[in-house]
Amino acid sequence: MTLLRTLIINKIFLTIVLSCVAWNVQASGDIKKGQGIAKRVCAACHGKQGISRAPVFPNLSGQKETYLIKQLKDFKAGTRASNNMEGVVKNLSEQDISDVAAFFASHGQVQDNSAKISKSIVKKAEAKLNICMPCHNNNGISSNEQYPNLAGQKDRYLQKELEKFKKGKRKDPIMTGIAAQLNKNDMKNLSKYFSKVGKISIK
């Protein structure tokens, strides 16, 4: 059994398990309250509407609500390291986290922009795209709340996170194995591809 096949099977199994406990991860968020929190706490880096002002900060608009909750809780617990985010989330309650996640999840949508991707970007990305598809699909829109949408994301941010997985600076048993199969050019090509697949628009 190849490493890729093993990783895919493990990912499918993990998806089933996580789906069973999803209701324990995701609380009921208040979108209106979340908007206020986003304006006070998140706007400086991610923009008032969840569209980042800098290439190294991710877009949050239209992201999966359950995924956002999990990441914010990980920042707060220190299980996902970030000098910037640790200070941001330390004073947020669990309800605050649910509220702001609900706001960003509801506030934008990702539109298919694949027709505008250059053939050269597609060709370069295709060599490794198959290892992303089981969780993120080839259009960058995940079908599972546990996994993030990649479509329309900042390419420099995506590349930076892949490098963290490869170096072990960001922990995830599946992503660490996947990143190990990618060289720097692979990461650059995949990041560019997913950034071009979708275009975020505000509802």
Protein backbone atom coordinates (compact mmCIF):
# COMPACT_ATOMS: atom_id res chain seq x y z
CA MET A 1 0.00 0.00 0.00
CA THR A 2 1.46 3.35 -1.02
CA LEU A 3 1.95 6.18 1.43
CA LEU A 4 -0.59 8.31 -0.45
CA ARG A 5 -3.25 5.58 -0.32
CA THR A 6 -2.61 5.06 3.39
CA LEU A 7 -2.96 8.78 4.06
CA ILE A 8 -6.22 8.97 2.11
CA ILE A 9 -7.71 6.00 3.96
CA ASN A 10 -6.66 7.47 7.30
CA LYS A 11 -8.17 10.82 6.31
CA ILE A 12 -11.49 9.22 5.37
CA PHE A 13 -11.59 7.35 8.69
CA LEU A 14 -10.75 10.54 10.58
CA THR A 15 -13.50 12.38 8.71
CA ILE A 16 -16.07 9.86 9.87
CA VAL A 17 -14.90 10.11 13.47
CA LEU A 18 -14.82 13.90 13.45
CA SER A 19 -18.24 14.09 11.85
CA CYS A 20 -19.64 12.09 14.76
CA VAL A 21 -18.31 14.62 17.27
CA ALA A 22 -18.88 17.77 15.21
CA TRP A 23 -21.76 18.92 17.38
CA ASN A 24 -19.41 18.94 20.37
CA VAL A 25 -16.96 21.21 18.52
CA GLN A 26 -19.39 23.69 17.05
CA ALA A 27 -21.47 25.85 19.35
CA SER A 28 -24.38 28.03 18.32
CA GLY A 29 -22.92 31.33 17.19
CA ASP A 30 -24.61 34.73 17.13
CA ILE A 31 -23.72 36.37 13.81
CA LYS A 32 -24.55 39.90 14.95
CA LYS A 33 -22.40 39.63 18.07
CA GLY A 34 -19.68 38.02 16.00
CA GLN A 35 -19.66 41.01 13.69
CA GLY A 36 -18.88 43.28 16.63
CA ILE A 37 -16.06 41.02 17.80
CA ALA A 38 -14.64 40.84 14.28
CA LYS A 39 -14.64 44.63 14.02
CA ARG A 40 -12.87 45.08 17.37
CA VAL A 41 -10.48 42.16 17.36
CA CYS A 42 -9.95 40.79 13.85
CA ALA A 43 -10.27 43.68 11.40
CA ALA A 44 -6.69 44.96 11.70
CA CYS A 45 -5.29 41.84 10.02
CA HIS A 46 -8.26 40.13 8.38
CA GLY A 47 -10.39 43.10 7.40
CA LYS A 48 -13.85 43.98 8.71
CA GLN A 49 -15.47 41.59 6.26
CA GLY A 50 -12.89 38.82 6.53
CA ILE A 51 -10.86 39.78 3.47
CA SER A 52 -7.23 40.06 4.50
CA ARG A 53 -5.28 43.22 3.82
CA ALA A 54 -1.93 41.44 3.71
CA PRO A 55 -0.76 38.40 1.74
CA VAL A 56 0.49 36.56 4.85
CA PHE A 57 -2.83 36.79 6.73
CA PRO A 58 -5.63 34.44 5.67
CA ASN A 59 -9.03 35.40 4.35
CA LEU A 60 -11.69 34.29 6.84
CA SER A 61 -14.82 35.25 4.94
CA GLY A 62 -16.74 32.19 3.80
CA GLN A 63 -14.56 29.79 5.78
CA LYS A 64 -16.03 26.70 7.47
CA GLU A 65 -17.53 27.63 10.85
CA THR A 66 -16.49 24.43 12.64
CA TYR A 67 -12.96 24.72 11.26
CA LEU A 68 -12.67 28.32 12.47
CA ILE A 69 -13.87 27.35 15.95
CA LYS A 70 -11.33 24.54 16.16
CA GLN A 71 -8.42 26.74 15.06
CA LEU A 72 -9.32 29.57 17.44
CA LYS A 73 -9.56 27.11 20.32
CA ASP A 74 -6.19 25.65 19.34
CA PHE A 75 -4.62 29.12 19.36
CA LYS A 76 -6.14 29.79 22.77
CA ALA A 77 -4.90 26.46 24.14
CA GLY A 78 -1.45 26.95 22.62
CA THR A 79 -1.66 23.77 20.54
CA ARG A 80 -1.34 25.87 17.39
CA ALA A 81 1.45 28.38 17.75
CA SER A 82 1.21 31.99 16.58
CA ASN A 83 2.75 35.03 18.19
CA ASN A 84 0.01 37.22 16.73
CA MET A 85 -3.00 35.04 17.47
CA GLU A 86 -2.13 34.08 21.04
CA GLY A 87 -2.65 37.65 22.21
CA VAL A 88 -5.79 38.05 20.11
CA VAL A 89 -7.69 35.03 21.41
CA LYS A 90 -6.62 34.98 25.05
CA ASN A 91 -9.55 37.16 26.16
CA LEU A 92 -12.17 35.49 23.96
CA SER A 93 -14.69 33.22 25.65
CA GLU A 94 -15.96 30.04 23.99
CA GLN A 95 -19.13 31.89 23.06
CA ASP A 96 -17.10 34.76 21.57
CA ILE A 97 -15.24 32.23 19.44
CA SER A 98 -18.49 30.66 18.27
CA ASP A 99 -19.98 34.06 17.48
CA VAL A 100 -17.07 35.36 15.44
CA ALA A 101 -16.76 32.06 13.57
CA ALA A 102 -20.46 32.18 12.72
CA PHE A 103 -20.04 35.73 11.40
CA PHE A 104 -17.14 34.95 9.08
CA ALA A 105 -18.73 31.72 7.89
CA SER A 106 -21.95 33.50 6.93
CA HIS A 107 -20.50 36.73 5.63
CA GLY A 108 -18.92 35.69 2.36
CA GLN A 109 -18.99 33.13 -0.38
CA VAL A 110 -16.42 31.73 -2.74
CA GLN A 111 -17.24 31.83 -6.43
CA ASP A 112 -15.76 29.49 -9.02
CA ASN A 113 -13.03 31.32 -10.86
CA SER A 114 -11.38 28.33 -12.51
CA ALA A 115 -12.00 29.56 -16.05
CA LYS A 116 -9.58 32.41 -15.40
CA ILE A 117 -6.69 30.28 -14.17
CA SER A 118 -3.78 30.19 -16.58
CA LYS A 119 -3.01 26.83 -18.16
CA SER A 120 0.55 27.03 -16.87
CA ILE A 121 -0.60 27.25 -13.24
CA VAL A 122 -2.99 24.33 -13.70
CA LYS A 123 -0.32 22.21 -15.37
CA LYS A 124 2.21 22.86 -12.62
CA ALA A 125 -0.30 22.14 -9.85
CA GLU A 126 -1.78 19.01 -11.41
CA ALA A 127 1.26 16.90 -10.59
CA LYS A 128 0.42 17.05 -6.87
CA LEU A 129 -3.22 18.12 -6.88
CA ASN A 130 -4.43 14.57 -6.31
CA ILE A 131 -3.16 14.56 -2.72
CA CYS A 132 -5.30 17.61 -1.90
CA MET A 133 -8.53 16.46 -3.53
CA PRO A 134 -9.75 13.91 -0.95
CA CYS A 135 -10.30 16.65 1.65
CA HIS A 136 -10.34 19.95 -0.21
CA ASN A 137 -11.67 18.87 -3.62
CA ASN A 138 -10.12 20.09 -6.87
CA ASN A 139 -12.14 23.33 -6.62
CA GLY A 140 -10.80 24.12 -3.16
CA ILE A 141 -14.22 23.92 -1.47
CA SER A 142 -14.22 21.28 1.25
CA SER A 143 -17.31 19.13 1.62
CA ASN A 144 -16.56 18.58 5.32
CA GLU A 145 -16.91 21.23 8.03
CA GLN A 146 -13.73 19.99 9.69
CA TYR A 147 -11.50 20.93 6.74
CA PRO A 148 -10.88 24.45 5.47
CA ASN A 149 -11.82 25.89 2.12
CA LEU A 150 -8.68 26.72 0.15
CA ALA A 151 -10.34 28.45 -2.79
CA GLY A 152 -9.60 32.16 -2.96
CA GLN A 153 -7.15 31.98 -0.08
CA LYS A 154 -3.95 34.06 -0.05
CA ASP A 155 -1.29 32.07 -1.87
CA ARG A 156 1.55 33.26 0.33
CA TYR A 157 -0.40 32.25 3.41
CA LEU A 158 -1.10 28.78 2.01
CA GLN A 159 2.54 28.28 1.11
CA LYS A 160 3.67 29.43 4.55
CA GLU A 161 1.32 26.98 6.29
CA LEU A 162 2.43 24.08 4.08
CA GLU A 163 6.02 24.86 5.01
CA LYS A 164 5.07 24.81 8.69
CA PHE A 165 3.49 21.38 8.31
CA LYS A 166 6.59 20.09 6.52
CA LYS A 167 8.92 21.42 9.21
CA GLY A 168 6.70 20.21 12.06
CA LYS A 169 5.97 23.72 13.29
CA ARG A 170 2.24 23.13 12.75
CA LYS A 171 0.91 19.79 13.93
CA ASP A 172 -1.50 17.57 12.04
CA PRO A 173 -0.84 13.86 11.46
CA ILE A 174 -2.30 13.86 7.95
CA MET A 175 -1.03 17.22 6.72
CA THR A 176 2.46 16.49 8.01
CA GLY A 177 2.57 13.35 5.86
CA ILE A 178 1.19 15.17 2.84
CA ALA A 179 3.57 18.12 3.16
CA ALA A 180 6.46 15.69 3.38
CA GLN A 181 5.73 14.74 -0.25
CA LEU A 182 5.95 18.34 -1.44
CA ASN A 183 9.00 20.37 -2.33
CA LYS A 184 9.07 24.16 -2.30
CA ASN A 185 7.97 24.46 -5.93
CA ASP A 186 5.07 22.05 -5.34
CA MET A 187 3.88 24.18 -2.43
CA LYS A 188 4.17 27.34 -4.47
CA ASN A 189 2.26 25.88 -7.42
CA LEU A 190 -0.55 24.40 -5.32
CA SER A 191 -0.91 27.60 -3.31
CA LYS A 192 -1.11 29.69 -6.46
CA TYR A 193 -3.66 27.28 -7.97
CA PHE A 194 -6.05 27.34 -5.02
CA SER A 195 -5.75 31.11 -4.66
CA LYS A 196 -6.92 31.45 -8.27
CA VAL A 197 -9.63 28.77 -8.19
CA GLY A 198 -12.04 30.88 -6.18
CA LYS A 199 -12.83 34.52 -5.69
CA ILE A 200 -14.39 35.68 -2.43
CA SER A 201 -17.37 37.98 -2.66
CA ILE A 202 -19.30 39.54 0.19
CA LYS A 203 -22.97 38.73 0.53
